[in-house]
Amino acid sequence: MQSITQHDQGAVLILGGGALGAALAQGWARHRAVTVVEPRMERHAHLETLGASPCTALPDHAAVVVLAVKPDRIAAACRELRQVLRQAPLFVLSMAAGVSLASLRHHLADWCPVLRAMPNLAAAQGAAMSVLYGEQIPQAIRDEALHLLQLAGRVLWVRDEQAMDAATAICGSGPAYVLRFMACLEKEAMGLGFTREEAHDMVVQTTLGAALMAKTCGDCEDLVAQVASRGGTTEAALSQLDGLQELLHNAVTEAVRRANALREQYGHDDA
């Protein structure tokens, strides 16, 4: 196996040019050469605008392979990798929810080190929150995997594989929760007479500002108390959101349940 220094600026090969694969390609293409294997030709022009090199078939070499395909495609993708790549890559990084490391190693026949990660679509802006996990991974490879994901945002190495399901419900799905809330707030703004563009700008900047406040100050509930003056408009509004925690609890619980179901379906050695 080649050394990390030889691979450090090597090409990244992404299998799958869907939403997540494209977001990763966009985030990484600012720093690395990125090839995306995507059989749908209609996606190629878009991938090119992101700075990636699309193709319909696997090339014969790559420094790092990223599996950004659906869980039901993992087994076939791993078999094809072993058949086509002339030399095993430095490591394989799987983004497939619910597919365990044991199953990945089984499909790859211990061909090379493999890790699991769960980023989110903010990778396109270099602002993703990713979680990463691997077992018995050499420190040099662990560092390189961390570095690669850090090019797309922040990274947390989780304590065990079970935490991947929980993290998927928070980091992987989390942007959709926030965006759904933003969409609802935009509708309320338009109902108050603002144009769609005005509503969008107000909500986006307000959300961005709140996120920056949270990043700087740390405790979200303390910040809520600072914004919500006693007897003011914010306090009145928050009194109507008392059920929000329960709704979010139900949403996250359902996401974790689905991740567990995917693990049961695709995460075993004989999957």
C-alpha atoms as a PDB file:
ATOM      1  CA  MET A   1       0.000   0.000   0.000  1.00  0.00           C
ATOM      2  CA  GLN A   2       1.274   3.438  -0.863  1.00  0.00           C
ATOM      3  CA  SER A   3       2.046   5.873   1.908  1.00  0.00           C
ATOM      4  CA  ILE A   4      -0.271   8.602   3.121  1.00  0.00           C
ATOM      5  CA  THR A   5       2.015  11.301   1.802  1.00  0.00           C
ATOM      6  CA  GLN A   6       1.829   9.818  -1.692  1.00  0.00           C
ATOM      7  CA  HIS A   7      -1.958   9.694  -1.480  1.00  0.00           C
ATOM      8  CA  ASP A   8      -2.550  12.943   0.399  1.00  0.00           C
ATOM      9  CA  GLN A   9      -3.500  15.001  -2.634  1.00  0.00           C
ATOM     10  CA  GLY A  10      -4.670  12.000  -4.633  1.00  0.00           C
ATOM     11  CA  ALA A  11      -7.892  11.656  -6.555  1.00  0.00           C
ATOM     12  CA  VAL A  12     -11.155  11.007  -4.760  1.00  0.00           C
ATOM     13  CA  LEU A  13     -13.528   8.622  -6.501  1.00  0.00           C
ATOM     14  CA  ILE A  14     -17.200   8.983  -5.572  1.00  0.00           C
ATOM     15  CA  LEU A  15     -19.599   6.225  -6.556  1.00  0.00           C
ATOM     16  CA  GLY A  16     -22.966   7.908  -6.970  1.00  0.00           C
ATOM     17  CA  GLY A  17     -23.772  11.391  -8.256  1.00  0.00           C
ATOM     18  CA  GLY A  18     -27.063  11.906  -6.442  1.00  0.00           C
ATOM     19  CA  ALA A  19     -27.727  14.658  -3.932  1.00  0.00           C
ATOM     20  CA  LEU A  20     -25.101  13.590  -1.381  1.00  0.00           C
ATOM     21  CA  GLY A  21     -22.475  12.556  -3.921  1.00  0.00           C
ATOM     22  CA  ALA A  22     -22.865  15.867  -5.733  1.00  0.00           C
ATOM     23  CA  ALA A  23     -22.643  17.858  -2.489  1.00  0.00           C
ATOM     24  CA  LEU A  24     -19.432  16.070  -1.504  1.00  0.00           C
ATOM     25  CA  ALA A  25     -18.014  16.543  -4.990  1.00  0.00           C
ATOM     26  CA  GLN A  26     -18.683  20.267  -4.830  1.00  0.00           C
ATOM     27  CA  GLY A  27     -17.084  20.606  -1.402  1.00  0.00           C
ATOM     28  CA  TRP A  28     -14.030  18.520  -2.234  1.00  0.00           C
ATOM     29  CA  ALA A  29     -13.428  19.758  -5.782  1.00  0.00           C
ATOM     30  CA  ARG A  30     -12.045  23.009  -4.337  1.00  0.00           C
ATOM     31  CA  HIS A  31      -9.180  20.993  -2.850  1.00  0.00           C
ATOM     32  CA  ARG A  32      -8.855  17.665  -4.690  1.00  0.00           C
ATOM     33  CA  ALA A  33      -9.364  16.088  -8.071  1.00  0.00           C
ATOM     34  CA  VAL A  34     -12.785  14.414  -7.855  1.00  0.00           C
ATOM     35  CA  THR A  35     -14.205  11.778 -10.197  1.00  0.00           C
ATOM     36  CA  VAL A  36     -17.872  10.813  -9.861  1.00  0.00           C
ATOM     37  CA  VAL A  37     -19.171   7.544 -11.277  1.00  0.00           C
ATOM     38  CA  GLU A  38     -22.758   8.313 -12.280  1.00  0.00           C
ATOM     39  CA  PRO A  39     -24.605   6.187 -14.865  1.00  0.00           C
ATOM     40  CA  ARG A  40     -27.269   8.844 -15.473  1.00  0.00           C
ATOM     41  CA  MET A  41     -25.873  10.957 -18.287  1.00  0.00           C
ATOM     42  CA  GLU A  42     -28.334  13.759 -17.544  1.00  0.00           C
ATOM     43  CA  ARG A  43     -26.476  14.364 -14.260  1.00  0.00           C
ATOM     44  CA  HIS A  44     -23.076  14.837 -15.881  1.00  0.00           C
ATOM     45  CA  ALA A  45     -23.407  18.480 -16.932  1.00  0.00           C
ATOM     46  CA  HIS A  46     -24.402  19.450 -13.409  1.00  0.00           C
ATOM     47  CA  LEU A  47     -21.504  17.516 -11.885  1.00  0.00           C
ATOM     48  CA  GLU A  48     -19.104  19.276 -14.241  1.00  0.00           C
ATOM     49  CA  THR A  49     -20.360  22.679 -13.060  1.00  0.00           C
ATOM     50  CA  LEU A  50     -19.444  21.586  -9.517  1.00  0.00           C
ATOM     51  CA  GLY A  51     -15.837  20.964 -10.559  1.00  0.00           C
ATOM     52  CA  ALA A  52     -16.019  17.177 -10.699  1.00  0.00           C
ATOM     53  CA  SER A  53     -15.178  14.817 -13.561  1.00  0.00           C
ATOM     54  CA  PRO A  54     -18.193  12.575 -14.220  1.00  0.00           C
ATOM     55  CA  CYS A  55     -18.005   9.168 -15.880  1.00  0.00           C
ATOM     56  CA  THR A  56     -20.288   6.203 -16.359  1.00  0.00           C
ATOM     57  CA  ALA A  57     -17.827   3.441 -15.471  1.00  0.00           C
ATOM     58  CA  LEU A  58     -15.161   2.909 -12.843  1.00  0.00           C
ATOM     59  CA  PRO A  59     -11.637   4.067 -13.689  1.00  0.00           C
ATOM     60  CA  ASP A  60      -8.801   1.662 -12.946  1.00  0.00           C
ATOM     61  CA  HIS A  61      -7.299   3.583 -10.020  1.00  0.00           C
ATOM     62  CA  ALA A  62      -8.187   5.948  -7.181  1.00  0.00           C
ATOM     63  CA  ALA A  63      -6.559   7.147  -3.975  1.00  0.00           C
ATOM     64  CA  VAL A  64      -9.777   7.139  -1.948  1.00  0.00           C
ATOM     65  CA  VAL A  65     -13.166   5.596  -2.793  1.00  0.00           C
ATOM     66  CA  VAL A  66     -16.375   7.064  -1.388  1.00  0.00           C
ATOM     67  CA  LEU A  67     -19.540   4.959  -1.529  1.00  0.00           C
ATOM     68  CA  ALA A  68     -22.408   7.429  -1.964  1.00  0.00           C
ATOM     69  CA  VAL A  69     -24.891   4.884  -3.314  1.00  0.00           C
ATOM     70  CA  LYS A  70     -28.086   3.599  -1.703  1.00  0.00           C
ATOM     71  CA  PRO A  71     -27.774   0.713   0.788  1.00  0.00           C
ATOM     72  CA  ASP A  72     -29.246  -1.754  -1.690  1.00  0.00           C
ATOM     73  CA  ARG A  73     -26.422  -0.953  -4.140  1.00  0.00           C
ATOM     74  CA  ILE A  74     -23.541  -1.437  -1.722  1.00  0.00           C
ATOM     75  CA  ALA A  75     -22.899  -5.141  -2.356  1.00  0.00           C
ATOM     76  CA  ALA A  76     -22.763  -4.723  -6.134  1.00  0.00           C
ATOM     77  CA  ALA A  77     -20.608  -1.587  -5.854  1.00  0.00           C
ATOM     78  CA  CYS A  78     -18.071  -3.350  -3.642  1.00  0.00           C
ATOM     79  CA  ARG A  79     -17.831  -6.324  -5.991  1.00  0.00           C
ATOM     80  CA  GLU A  80     -17.274  -4.014  -8.952  1.00  0.00           C
ATOM     81  CA  LEU A  81     -14.552  -2.103  -7.097  1.00  0.00           C
ATOM     82  CA  ARG A  82     -12.569  -5.269  -6.445  1.00  0.00           C
ATOM     83  CA  GLN A  83     -12.891  -6.356 -10.070  1.00  0.00           C
ATOM     84  CA  VAL A  84     -11.967  -3.046 -11.725  1.00  0.00           C
ATOM     85  CA  LEU A  85      -9.465  -1.103  -9.602  1.00  0.00           C
ATOM     86  CA  ARG A  86      -5.945  -2.270 -10.350  1.00  0.00           C
ATOM     87  CA  GLN A  87      -4.759  -1.482  -6.835  1.00  0.00           C
ATOM     88  CA  ALA A  88      -6.706  -1.188  -3.619  1.00  0.00           C
ATOM     89  CA  PRO A  89      -7.257   2.424  -2.595  1.00  0.00           C
ATOM     90  CA  LEU A  90      -5.890   3.905   0.595  1.00  0.00           C
ATOM     91  CA  PHE A  91      -9.326   3.346   2.144  1.00  0.00           C
ATOM     92  CA  VAL A  92     -13.021   3.105   1.325  1.00  0.00           C
ATOM     93  CA  LEU A  93     -15.445   5.525   2.986  1.00  0.00           C
ATOM     94  CA  SER A  94     -19.081   4.418   3.048  1.00  0.00           C
ATOM     95  CA  MET A  95     -21.961   6.895   3.375  1.00  0.00           C
ATOM     96  CA  ALA A  96     -24.648   4.198   3.271  1.00  0.00           C
ATOM     97  CA  ALA A  97     -27.023   4.464   6.228  1.00  0.00           C
ATOM     98  CA  GLY A  98     -27.433   1.221   8.144  1.00  0.00           C
ATOM     99  CA  VAL A  99     -24.761  -0.814   6.344  1.00  0.00           C
ATOM    100  CA  SER A 100     -22.412  -2.074   9.051  1.00  0.00           C
ATOM    101  CA  LEU A 101     -18.640  -2.232   8.922  1.00  0.00           C
ATOM    102  CA  ALA A 102     -18.867  -6.025   9.166  1.00  0.00           C
ATOM    103  CA  SER A 103     -21.062  -6.122   6.086  1.00  0.00           C
ATOM    104  CA  LEU A 104     -18.795  -3.714   4.202  1.00  0.00           C
ATOM    105  CA  ARG A 105     -15.719  -5.778   5.040  1.00  0.00           C
ATOM    106  CA  HIS A 106     -17.578  -8.895   3.920  1.00  0.00           C
ATOM    107  CA  HIS A 107     -18.468  -7.343   0.553  1.00  0.00           C
ATOM    108  CA  LEU A 108     -14.941  -5.967   0.088  1.00  0.00           C
ATOM    109  CA  ALA A 109     -13.340  -9.258   1.245  1.00  0.00           C
ATOM    110  CA  ASP A 110     -10.991  -7.239   3.490  1.00  0.00           C
ATOM    111  CA  TRP A 111      -9.552  -5.764   0.309  1.00  0.00           C
ATOM    112  CA  CYS A 112      -8.658  -2.491   2.031  1.00  0.00           C
ATOM    113  CA  PRO A 113      -9.490  -0.509   5.199  1.00  0.00           C
ATOM    114  CA  VAL A 114     -13.085   0.687   5.305  1.00  0.00           C
ATOM    115  CA  LEU A 115     -14.746   3.369   7.426  1.00  0.00           C
ATOM    116  CA  ARG A 116     -18.302   4.651   7.777  1.00  0.00           C
ATOM    117  CA  ALA A 117     -19.273   8.315   7.659  1.00  0.00           C
ATOM    118  CA  MET A 118     -22.468  10.339   7.652  1.00  0.00           C
ATOM    119  CA  PRO A 119     -22.135  13.903   6.377  1.00  0.00           C
ATOM    120  CA  ASN A 120     -24.964  16.128   5.200  1.00  0.00           C
ATOM    121  CA  LEU A 121     -25.712  18.215   2.130  1.00  0.00           C
ATOM    122  CA  ALA A 122     -24.029  21.305   3.591  1.00  0.00           C
ATOM    123  CA  ALA A 123     -20.791  19.667   2.392  1.00  0.00           C
ATOM    124  CA  ALA A 124     -21.381  21.595  -0.832  1.00  0.00           C
ATOM    125  CA  GLN A 125     -20.754  24.826   1.087  1.00  0.00           C
ATOM    126  CA  GLY A 126     -17.939  23.362   3.193  1.00  0.00           C
ATOM    127  CA  ALA A 127     -20.276  23.560   6.204  1.00  0.00           C
ATOM    128  CA  ALA A 128     -21.316  19.941   6.785  1.00  0.00           C
ATOM    129  CA  MET A 129     -21.479  18.250  10.161  1.00  0.00           C
ATOM    130  CA  SER A 130     -20.112  14.755   9.615  1.00  0.00           C
ATOM    131  CA  VAL A 131     -19.674  11.776  11.897  1.00  0.00           C
ATOM    132  CA  LEU A 132     -17.010   9.147  11.255  1.00  0.00           C
ATOM    133  CA  TYR A 133     -16.299   5.672  12.589  1.00  0.00           C
ATOM    134  CA  GLY A 134     -13.843   2.876  11.949  1.00  0.00           C
ATOM    135  CA  GLU A 135     -12.452  -0.128  13.801  1.00  0.00           C
ATOM    136  CA  GLN A 136      -8.771  -0.996  14.096  1.00  0.00           C
ATOM    137  CA  ILE A 137      -7.856   1.683  11.561  1.00  0.00           C
ATOM    138  CA  PRO A 138      -4.181   2.741  11.409  1.00  0.00           C
ATOM    139  CA  GLN A 139      -3.707   6.249  12.767  1.00  0.00           C
ATOM    140  CA  ALA A 140      -2.387   7.566   9.435  1.00  0.00           C
ATOM    141  CA  ILE A 141      -5.528   6.423   7.597  1.00  0.00           C
ATOM    142  CA  ARG A 142      -7.760   7.708  10.378  1.00  0.00           C
ATOM    143  CA  ASP A 143      -6.066  11.099  10.086  1.00  0.00           C
ATOM    144  CA  GLU A 144      -6.488  11.166   6.311  1.00  0.00           C
ATOM    145  CA  ALA A 145     -10.191  10.274   6.548  1.00  0.00           C
ATOM    146  CA  LEU A 146     -10.678  13.027   9.118  1.00  0.00           C
ATOM    147  CA  HIS A 147      -8.804  15.480   6.902  1.00  0.00           C
ATOM    148  CA  LEU A 148     -10.921  14.618   3.876  1.00  0.00           C
ATOM    149  CA  LEU A 149     -14.187  15.151   5.731  1.00  0.00           C
ATOM    150  CA  GLN A 150     -12.860  18.326   7.341  1.00  0.00           C
ATOM    151  CA  LEU A 151     -12.533  19.773   3.840  1.00  0.00           C
ATOM    152  CA  ALA A 152     -16.350  19.625   3.776  1.00  0.00           C
ATOM    153  CA  GLY A 153     -16.988  20.946   7.305  1.00  0.00           C
ATOM    154  CA  ARG A 154     -16.706  19.751  10.908  1.00  0.00           C
ATOM    155  CA  VAL A 155     -16.202  16.113  11.899  1.00  0.00           C
ATOM    156  CA  LEU A 156     -16.966  14.074  15.013  1.00  0.00           C
ATOM    157  CA  TRP A 157     -15.401  10.634  15.479  1.00  0.00           C
ATOM    158  CA  VAL A 158     -18.155   8.670  17.235  1.00  0.00           C
ATOM    159  CA  ARG A 159     -17.459   6.250  20.089  1.00  0.00           C
ATOM    160  CA  ASP A 160     -19.053   3.128  18.590  1.00  0.00           C
ATOM    161  CA  GLU A 161     -20.933   1.967  15.517  1.00  0.00           C
ATOM    162  CA  GLN A 162     -24.327   2.091  17.202  1.00  0.00           C
ATOM    163  CA  ALA A 163     -23.844   5.845  17.531  1.00  0.00           C
ATOM    164  CA  MET A 164     -23.855   6.074  13.720  1.00  0.00           C
ATOM    165  CA  ASP A 165     -27.614   5.444  13.634  1.00  0.00           C
ATOM    166  CA  ALA A 166     -28.226   8.125  16.246  1.00  0.00           C
ATOM    167  CA  ALA A 167     -25.915  10.564  14.488  1.00  0.00           C
ATOM    168  CA  THR A 168     -27.654   9.908  11.181  1.00  0.00           C
ATOM    169  CA  ALA A 169     -30.916  11.094  12.730  1.00  0.00           C
ATOM    170  CA  ILE A 170     -29.263  14.306  13.945  1.00  0.00           C
ATOM    171  CA  CYS A 171     -26.533  15.231  11.449  1.00  0.00           C
ATOM    172  CA  GLY A 172     -27.646  13.475   8.286  1.00  0.00           C
ATOM    173  CA  SER A 173     -31.345  14.317   8.544  1.00  0.00           C
ATOM    174  CA  GLY A 174     -31.017  17.445  10.689  1.00  0.00           C
ATOM    175  CA  PRO A 175     -30.750  19.999   7.856  1.00  0.00           C
ATOM    176  CA  ALA A 176     -34.185  18.898   6.631  1.00  0.00           C
ATOM    177  CA  TYR A 177     -35.720  19.591  10.048  1.00  0.00           C
ATOM    178  CA  VAL A 178     -34.248  23.094  10.103  1.00  0.00           C
ATOM    179  CA  LEU A 179     -35.171  23.768   6.482  1.00  0.00           C
ATOM    180  CA  ARG A 180     -38.755  22.615   7.047  1.00  0.00           C
ATOM    181  CA  PHE A 181     -39.007  25.057   9.960  1.00  0.00           C
ATOM    182  CA  MET A 182     -37.542  27.799   7.753  1.00  0.00           C
ATOM    183  CA  ALA A 183     -40.041  27.024   4.985  1.00  0.00           C
ATOM    184  CA  CYS A 184     -42.901  27.336   7.472  1.00  0.00           C
ATOM    185  CA  LEU A 185     -41.537  30.650   8.771  1.00  0.00           C
ATOM    186  CA  GLU A 186     -41.239  31.940   5.188  1.00  0.00           C
ATOM    187  CA  LYS A 187     -44.922  31.133   4.611  1.00  0.00           C
ATOM    188  CA  GLU A 188     -45.831  33.062   7.743  1.00  0.00           C
ATOM    189  CA  ALA A 189     -43.795  36.045   6.541  1.00  0.00           C
ATOM    190  CA  MET A 190     -45.561  35.991   3.178  1.00  0.00           C
ATOM    191  CA  GLY A 191     -48.880  35.804   5.025  1.00  0.00           C
ATOM    192  CA  LEU A 192     -47.917  39.057   6.713  1.00  0.00           C
ATOM    193  CA  GLY A 193     -47.482  40.769   3.364  1.00  0.00           C
ATOM    194  CA  PHE A 194     -43.825  40.242   2.460  1.00  0.00           C
ATOM    195  CA  THR A 195     -42.848  39.012  -0.989  1.00  0.00           C
ATOM    196  CA  ARG A 196     -41.401  35.506  -1.404  1.00  0.00           C
ATOM    197  CA  GLU A 197     -37.941  36.969  -1.948  1.00  0.00           C
ATOM    198  CA  GLU A 198     -38.203  39.257   1.079  1.00  0.00           C
ATOM    199  CA  ALA A 199     -39.489  36.424   3.250  1.00  0.00           C
ATOM    200  CA  HIS A 200     -36.686  34.125   2.108  1.00  0.00           C
ATOM    201  CA  ASP A 201     -33.987  36.727   2.795  1.00  0.00           C
ATOM    202  CA  MET A 202     -35.356  37.528   6.248  1.00  0.00           C
ATOM    203  CA  VAL A 203     -35.652  33.903   7.292  1.00  0.00           C
ATOM    204  CA  VAL A 204     -32.268  32.831   5.927  1.00  0.00           C
ATOM    205  CA  GLN A 205     -30.401  35.699   7.576  1.00  0.00           C
ATOM    206  CA  THR A 206     -32.282  35.249  10.849  1.00  0.00           C
ATOM    207  CA  THR A 207     -31.470  31.532  10.886  1.00  0.00           C
ATOM    208  CA  LEU A 208     -27.841  32.185  10.002  1.00  0.00           C
ATOM    209  CA  GLY A 209     -27.580  34.770  12.749  1.00  0.00           C
ATOM    210  CA  ALA A 210     -29.133  32.413  15.303  1.00  0.00           C
ATOM    211  CA  ALA A 211     -26.696  29.655  14.310  1.00  0.00           C
ATOM    212  CA  LEU A 212     -23.731  32.004  14.684  1.00  0.00           C
ATOM    213  CA  MET A 213     -25.009  33.113  18.091  1.00  0.00           C
ATOM    214  CA  ALA A 214     -25.282  29.487  19.172  1.00  0.00           C
ATOM    215  CA  LYS A 215     -21.805  28.702  17.856  1.00  0.00           C
ATOM    216  CA  THR A 216     -20.313  31.648  19.724  1.00  0.00           C
ATOM    217  CA  CYS A 217     -22.274  31.512  22.980  1.00  0.00           C
ATOM    218  CA  GLY A 218     -22.853  27.783  23.317  1.00  0.00           C
ATOM    219  CA  ASP A 219     -26.091  27.335  25.270  1.00  0.00           C
ATOM    220  CA  CYS A 220     -29.185  27.632  23.077  1.00  0.00           C
ATOM    221  CA  GLU A 221     -31.657  27.887  25.952  1.00  0.00           C
ATOM    222  CA  ASP A 222     -29.681  30.758  27.499  1.00  0.00           C
ATOM    223  CA  LEU A 223     -29.887  32.550  24.158  1.00  0.00           C
ATOM    224  CA  VAL A 224     -33.636  31.956  23.978  1.00  0.00           C
ATOM    225  CA  ALA A 225     -33.965  33.641  27.363  1.00  0.00           C
ATOM    226  CA  GLN A 226     -31.920  36.595  26.129  1.00  0.00           C
ATOM    227  CA  VAL A 227     -34.149  37.085  23.088  1.00  0.00           C
ATOM    228  CA  ALA A 228     -37.429  36.524  24.931  1.00  0.00           C
ATOM    229  CA  SER A 229     -37.983  39.597  27.103  1.00  0.00           C
ATOM    230  CA  ARG A 230     -40.575  39.178  29.848  1.00  0.00           C
ATOM    231  CA  GLY A 231     -43.986  40.161  28.529  1.00  0.00           C
ATOM    232  CA  GLY A 232     -42.680  40.738  25.007  1.00  0.00           C
ATOM    233  CA  THR A 233     -43.552  39.439  21.557  1.00  0.00           C
ATOM    234  CA  THR A 234     -41.053  36.566  21.616  1.00  0.00           C
ATOM    235  CA  GLU A 235     -42.350  35.229  24.911  1.00  0.00           C
ATOM    236  CA  ALA A 236     -45.885  35.355  23.516  1.00  0.00           C
ATOM    237  CA  ALA A 237     -44.787  33.453  20.407  1.00  0.00           C
ATOM    238  CA  LEU A 238     -42.859  30.813  22.356  1.00  0.00           C
ATOM    239  CA  SER A 239     -45.938  30.057  24.444  1.00  0.00           C
ATOM    240  CA  GLN A 240     -47.427  28.571  21.250  1.00  0.00           C
ATOM    241  CA  LEU A 241     -44.430  26.285  20.680  1.00  0.00           C
ATOM    242  CA  ASP A 242     -44.695  24.247  23.876  1.00  0.00           C
ATOM    243  CA  GLY A 243     -45.212  21.033  21.900  1.00  0.00           C
ATOM    244  CA  LEU A 244     -42.134  21.519  19.720  1.00  0.00           C
ATOM    245  CA  GLN A 245     -39.838  19.313  21.830  1.00  0.00           C
ATOM    246  CA  GLU A 246     -42.255  16.399  21.669  1.00  0.00           C
ATOM    247  CA  LEU A 247     -42.666  16.784  17.907  1.00  0.00           C
ATOM    248  CA  LEU A 248     -38.913  16.820  17.415  1.00  0.00           C
ATOM    249  CA  HIS A 249     -38.458  13.861  19.755  1.00  0.00           C
ATOM    250  CA  ASN A 250     -40.940  11.874  17.680  1.00  0.00           C
ATOM    251  CA  ALA A 251     -39.200  12.899  14.463  1.00  0.00           C
ATOM    252  CA  VAL A 252     -35.723  11.906  15.658  1.00  0.00           C
ATOM    253  CA  THR A 253     -37.019   8.649  17.143  1.00  0.00           C
ATOM    254  CA  GLU A 254     -38.595   7.745  13.818  1.00  0.00           C
ATOM    255  CA  ALA A 255     -35.358   8.541  11.965  1.00  0.00           C
ATOM    256  CA  VAL A 256     -33.383   6.307  14.334  1.00  0.00           C
ATOM    257  CA  ARG A 257     -35.986   3.556  13.908  1.00  0.00           C
ATOM    258  CA  ARG A 258     -35.576   3.746  10.141  1.00  0.00           C
ATOM    259  CA  ALA A 259     -31.786   3.637  10.429  1.00  0.00           C
ATOM    260  CA  ASN A 260     -32.096   0.522  12.602  1.00  0.00           C
ATOM    261  CA  ALA A 261     -34.419  -1.051  10.031  1.00  0.00           C
ATOM    262  CA  LEU A 262     -31.885  -0.392   7.276  1.00  0.00           C
ATOM    263  CA  ARG A 263     -29.187  -2.001   9.411  1.00  0.00           C
ATOM    264  CA  GLU A 264     -31.373  -5.073   9.868  1.00  0.00           C
ATOM    265  CA  GLN A 265     -31.991  -5.239   6.126  1.00  0.00           C
ATOM    266  CA  TYR A 266     -28.520  -4.450   4.763  1.00  0.00           C
ATOM    267  CA  GLY A 267     -26.102  -4.476   7.664  1.00  0.00           C
ATOM    268  CA  HIS A 268     -25.352  -8.157   8.176  1.00  0.00           C
ATOM    269  CA  ASP A 269     -22.394 -10.104   6.861  1.00  0.00           C
ATOM    270  CA  ASP A 270     -24.602 -12.085   4.522  1.00  0.00           C
ATOM    271  CA  ALA A 271     -26.515  -9.050   3.226  1.00  0.00           C
END
